[in-house]
N, C-alpha and C. Protein backbone atom coordinates (compact mmCIF):
# COMPACT_ATOMS: atom_id res chain seq x y z
N MET A 1 47.03 117.85 100.18
CA MET A 1 48.10 118.82 100.18
C MET A 1 49.08 118.49 99.07
N LYS A 2 49.47 119.50 98.33
CA LYS A 2 50.42 119.32 97.25
C LYS A 2 51.84 119.33 97.80
N ARG A 3 52.64 118.38 97.34
CA ARG A 3 54.04 118.33 97.77
C ARG A 3 54.82 119.45 97.11
N ARG A 4 55.66 120.12 97.92
CA ARG A 4 56.46 121.22 97.42
C ARG A 4 57.83 121.15 98.09
N PRO A 5 58.87 121.60 97.39
CA PRO A 5 60.18 121.65 98.02
C PRO A 5 60.23 122.79 99.04
N ALA A 6 61.08 122.64 100.03
CA ALA A 6 61.29 123.68 101.05
C ALA A 6 62.70 123.55 101.58
N LEU A 7 63.21 124.67 102.10
CA LEU A 7 64.55 124.68 102.68
C LEU A 7 64.42 124.49 104.18
N ILE A 8 65.07 123.48 104.71
CA ILE A 8 65.06 123.24 106.15
C ILE A 8 66.04 124.21 106.81
N LEU A 9 65.53 124.97 107.78
CA LEU A 9 66.33 125.97 108.47
C LEU A 9 66.77 125.52 109.86
N SER A 10 66.02 124.64 110.48
CA SER A 10 66.31 124.24 111.86
C SER A 10 67.17 122.98 111.91
N HIS A 11 67.86 122.83 113.04
CA HIS A 11 68.74 121.68 113.25
C HIS A 11 67.93 120.46 113.72
N ARG A 12 68.46 119.29 113.44
CA ARG A 12 67.77 118.04 113.78
C ARG A 12 67.39 117.94 115.26
N PRO A 13 68.25 118.33 116.22
CA PRO A 13 67.82 118.24 117.63
C PRO A 13 66.55 119.04 117.91
N PHE A 14 66.43 120.22 117.32
CA PHE A 14 65.20 121.02 117.47
C PHE A 14 64.02 120.28 116.84
N ASN A 15 64.22 119.79 115.62
CA ASN A 15 63.16 119.11 114.89
C ASN A 15 62.66 117.89 115.66
N ASP A 16 63.60 117.10 116.19
CA ASP A 16 63.23 115.89 116.93
C ASP A 16 62.52 116.23 118.23
N ALA A 17 63.02 117.23 118.94
CA ALA A 17 62.43 117.60 120.24
C ALA A 17 61.03 118.16 120.10
N ASN A 18 60.77 118.87 119.01
CA ASN A 18 59.49 119.55 118.84
C ASN A 18 58.55 118.87 117.85
N ASN A 19 59.04 117.83 117.20
CA ASN A 19 58.28 117.12 116.17
C ASN A 19 57.80 118.05 115.05
N HIS A 20 58.47 119.17 114.88
CA HIS A 20 58.21 120.12 113.80
C HIS A 20 59.56 120.60 113.27
N THR A 21 59.57 121.02 112.00
CA THR A 21 60.77 121.54 111.36
C THR A 21 60.49 122.94 110.84
N ILE A 22 61.43 123.84 111.04
CA ILE A 22 61.30 125.21 110.53
C ILE A 22 61.84 125.24 109.11
N MET A 23 61.05 125.81 108.20
CA MET A 23 61.41 125.80 106.77
C MET A 23 61.15 127.15 106.13
N ALA A 24 61.79 127.35 104.98
CA ALA A 24 61.52 128.49 104.11
C ALA A 24 61.03 127.94 102.78
N MET A 25 60.19 128.70 102.15
CA MET A 25 59.57 128.31 100.88
C MET A 25 60.60 128.28 99.74
N ILE A 26 60.49 127.27 98.89
CA ILE A 26 61.21 127.24 97.62
C ILE A 26 60.13 127.28 96.55
N THR A 27 60.25 128.23 95.64
CA THR A 27 59.21 128.41 94.63
C THR A 27 59.80 128.75 93.27
N ALA A 28 59.06 128.41 92.23
CA ALA A 28 59.42 128.79 90.88
C ALA A 28 58.63 130.03 90.46
N ALA A 29 57.81 130.55 91.35
CA ALA A 29 56.95 131.71 91.04
C ALA A 29 57.81 132.94 90.76
N MET A 30 58.00 133.22 89.51
CA MET A 30 58.86 134.33 89.12
C MET A 30 58.07 135.62 88.87
N LEU A 31 56.75 135.52 88.81
CA LEU A 31 55.94 136.70 88.50
C LEU A 31 55.78 137.64 89.69
N ASP A 32 55.76 137.09 90.88
CA ASP A 32 55.58 137.92 92.08
C ASP A 32 56.83 137.90 92.94
N LYS A 33 57.87 138.49 92.44
CA LYS A 33 59.17 138.46 93.12
C LYS A 33 59.14 139.26 94.42
N TRP A 34 59.88 138.75 95.41
CA TRP A 34 60.12 139.48 96.65
C TRP A 34 61.55 140.01 96.58
N PRO A 35 61.82 141.18 97.14
CA PRO A 35 63.18 141.72 97.10
C PRO A 35 64.22 140.80 97.76
N SER A 36 63.79 140.00 98.73
CA SER A 36 64.72 139.14 99.45
C SER A 36 64.85 137.74 98.85
N ASP A 37 64.18 137.46 97.73
CA ASP A 37 64.31 136.15 97.08
C ASP A 37 65.76 135.87 96.75
N HIS A 38 66.17 134.61 96.92
CA HIS A 38 67.51 134.18 96.52
C HIS A 38 67.37 133.12 95.44
N ALA A 39 67.85 133.43 94.24
CA ALA A 39 67.82 132.46 93.15
C ALA A 39 68.82 131.34 93.44
N ILE A 40 68.35 130.12 93.42
CA ILE A 40 69.23 128.97 93.66
C ILE A 40 70.09 128.77 92.42
N LYS A 41 71.40 128.85 92.60
CA LYS A 41 72.33 128.76 91.47
C LYS A 41 72.67 127.32 91.11
N ASP A 42 72.89 126.48 92.11
CA ASP A 42 73.27 125.09 91.87
C ASP A 42 72.04 124.20 92.02
N LEU A 43 71.25 124.14 90.95
CA LEU A 43 70.01 123.37 90.97
C LEU A 43 70.27 121.88 91.16
N ALA A 44 71.31 121.36 90.53
CA ALA A 44 71.61 119.92 90.61
C ALA A 44 71.89 119.51 92.05
N ALA A 45 72.72 120.28 92.77
CA ALA A 45 73.03 119.95 94.16
C ALA A 45 71.78 119.99 95.03
N ALA A 46 70.88 120.93 94.72
CA ALA A 46 69.65 121.08 95.50
C ALA A 46 68.60 120.05 95.11
N GLY A 47 68.85 119.30 94.05
CA GLY A 47 67.89 118.28 93.62
C GLY A 47 66.70 118.86 92.89
N LEU A 48 66.87 120.03 92.30
CA LEU A 48 65.77 120.70 91.61
C LEU A 48 65.99 120.66 90.10
N LYS A 49 64.89 120.63 89.35
CA LYS A 49 64.97 120.54 87.89
C LYS A 49 64.74 121.87 87.19
N HIS A 50 64.08 122.79 87.87
CA HIS A 50 63.72 124.07 87.26
C HIS A 50 64.25 125.22 88.10
N ARG A 51 64.37 126.38 87.47
CA ARG A 51 64.81 127.57 88.20
C ARG A 51 63.87 127.83 89.37
N CYS A 52 64.45 128.04 90.54
CA CYS A 52 63.68 128.28 91.75
C CYS A 52 64.37 129.34 92.60
N VAL A 53 63.60 129.91 93.50
CA VAL A 53 64.14 130.84 94.47
C VAL A 53 63.77 130.38 95.88
N ILE A 54 64.61 130.77 96.82
CA ILE A 54 64.27 130.61 98.23
C ILE A 54 63.59 131.90 98.63
N ARG A 55 62.39 131.77 99.16
CA ARG A 55 61.60 132.93 99.56
C ARG A 55 61.46 132.89 101.08
N TRP A 56 61.65 134.03 101.72
CA TRP A 56 61.61 134.09 103.18
C TRP A 56 60.19 134.08 103.71
N LYS A 57 59.43 133.13 103.22
CA LYS A 57 58.11 132.82 103.77
C LYS A 57 58.37 131.61 104.67
N VAL A 58 58.51 131.87 105.95
CA VAL A 58 58.97 130.87 106.91
C VAL A 58 57.78 130.25 107.61
N PHE A 59 57.87 128.93 107.83
CA PHE A 59 56.77 128.18 108.44
C PHE A 59 57.32 126.95 109.15
N THR A 60 56.48 126.31 109.94
CA THR A 60 56.84 125.02 110.52
C THR A 60 55.94 123.96 109.90
N LEU A 61 56.47 122.75 109.88
CA LEU A 61 55.73 121.62 109.33
C LEU A 61 55.97 120.43 110.24
N PRO A 62 54.92 119.67 110.56
CA PRO A 62 55.15 118.45 111.35
C PRO A 62 56.13 117.53 110.61
N ASN A 63 57.03 116.93 111.36
CA ASN A 63 58.05 116.08 110.75
C ASN A 63 57.48 114.96 109.88
N GLU A 64 56.32 114.44 110.26
CA GLU A 64 55.77 113.32 109.48
C GLU A 64 55.31 113.75 108.09
N PHE A 65 55.22 115.05 107.83
CA PHE A 65 54.85 115.54 106.49
C PHE A 65 56.06 115.63 105.56
N ILE A 66 57.25 115.50 106.10
CA ILE A 66 58.46 115.55 105.27
C ILE A 66 58.63 114.19 104.61
N VAL A 67 58.56 114.18 103.29
CA VAL A 67 58.55 112.92 102.56
C VAL A 67 59.96 112.43 102.26
N LYS A 68 60.81 113.35 101.76
CA LYS A 68 62.18 112.94 101.41
C LYS A 68 63.07 114.17 101.29
N VAL A 69 64.35 113.92 101.26
CA VAL A 69 65.34 114.97 101.03
C VAL A 69 65.69 114.95 99.55
N LEU A 70 65.55 116.09 98.89
CA LEU A 70 65.86 116.16 97.46
C LEU A 70 67.34 116.36 97.21
N GLY A 71 67.98 117.19 98.05
CA GLY A 71 69.38 117.51 97.86
C GLY A 71 69.84 118.45 98.95
N LYS A 72 70.92 119.13 98.69
CA LYS A 72 71.51 120.06 99.64
C LYS A 72 71.98 121.28 98.87
N LEU A 73 71.89 122.45 99.47
CA LEU A 73 72.35 123.65 98.78
C LEU A 73 73.83 123.55 98.49
N GLY A 74 74.22 124.04 97.32
CA GLY A 74 75.64 124.13 96.98
C GLY A 74 76.31 125.15 97.89
N ASN A 75 77.63 125.14 97.92
CA ASN A 75 78.38 126.01 98.83
C ASN A 75 78.04 127.49 98.68
N ASP A 76 77.98 127.99 97.44
CA ASP A 76 77.67 129.40 97.23
C ASP A 76 76.27 129.75 97.72
N ASP A 77 75.31 128.89 97.40
CA ASP A 77 73.93 129.12 97.87
C ASP A 77 73.86 129.05 99.39
N GLN A 78 74.54 128.09 99.98
CA GLN A 78 74.55 127.93 101.44
C GLN A 78 75.10 129.19 102.11
N GLN A 79 76.22 129.69 101.61
CA GLN A 79 76.82 130.89 102.20
C GLN A 79 75.90 132.10 102.04
N ALA A 80 75.25 132.23 100.90
CA ALA A 80 74.34 133.35 100.68
C ALA A 80 73.16 133.29 101.64
N ILE A 81 72.62 132.11 101.88
CA ILE A 81 71.47 131.96 102.78
C ILE A 81 71.89 132.20 104.22
N GLU A 82 73.06 131.71 104.60
CA GLU A 82 73.55 131.96 105.97
C GLU A 82 73.73 133.47 106.20
N SER A 83 74.25 134.17 105.22
CA SER A 83 74.43 135.61 105.33
C SER A 83 73.07 136.32 105.39
N ALA A 84 72.15 135.90 104.55
CA ALA A 84 70.80 136.49 104.55
C ALA A 84 70.10 136.25 105.88
N THR A 85 70.25 135.05 106.42
CA THR A 85 69.61 134.71 107.70
C THR A 85 70.09 135.66 108.78
N ALA A 86 71.39 135.91 108.82
CA ALA A 86 71.96 136.81 109.83
C ALA A 86 71.41 138.23 109.66
N GLY A 87 71.11 138.63 108.43
CA GLY A 87 70.59 139.97 108.18
C GLY A 87 69.10 140.11 108.35
N ILE A 88 68.39 138.97 108.36
CA ILE A 88 66.93 139.00 108.45
C ILE A 88 66.43 138.73 109.87
N LEU A 89 66.94 137.68 110.48
CA LEU A 89 66.45 137.27 111.79
C LEU A 89 67.20 138.01 112.89
N CYS A 90 66.51 138.31 113.94
CA CYS A 90 67.15 138.99 115.06
C CYS A 90 67.26 138.05 116.26
N ALA A 91 68.30 138.22 117.02
CA ALA A 91 68.44 137.46 118.26
C ALA A 91 67.78 138.27 119.37
N VAL A 92 66.95 137.61 120.14
CA VAL A 92 66.22 138.32 121.21
C VAL A 92 67.05 138.30 122.48
């Protein structure tokens, strides 16, 4: 399996209890854009070297597959993703 960056969406108590973490894809794939892609503005804070987007391709991954934390979203990116999450996910 190739290592790839991803955005962690779930809180640590959930991750620990379920031994899985909910994530969204981070990709540099600019050729096949999705309308909901969010371009990461603060690459340095996120620990990324190249232009990337957060893509709402959501998945779970066993915690033991998480190798390291690269960084954290900058404030503007964090606020944009929190707003997008509220507009995308529904509460049942």
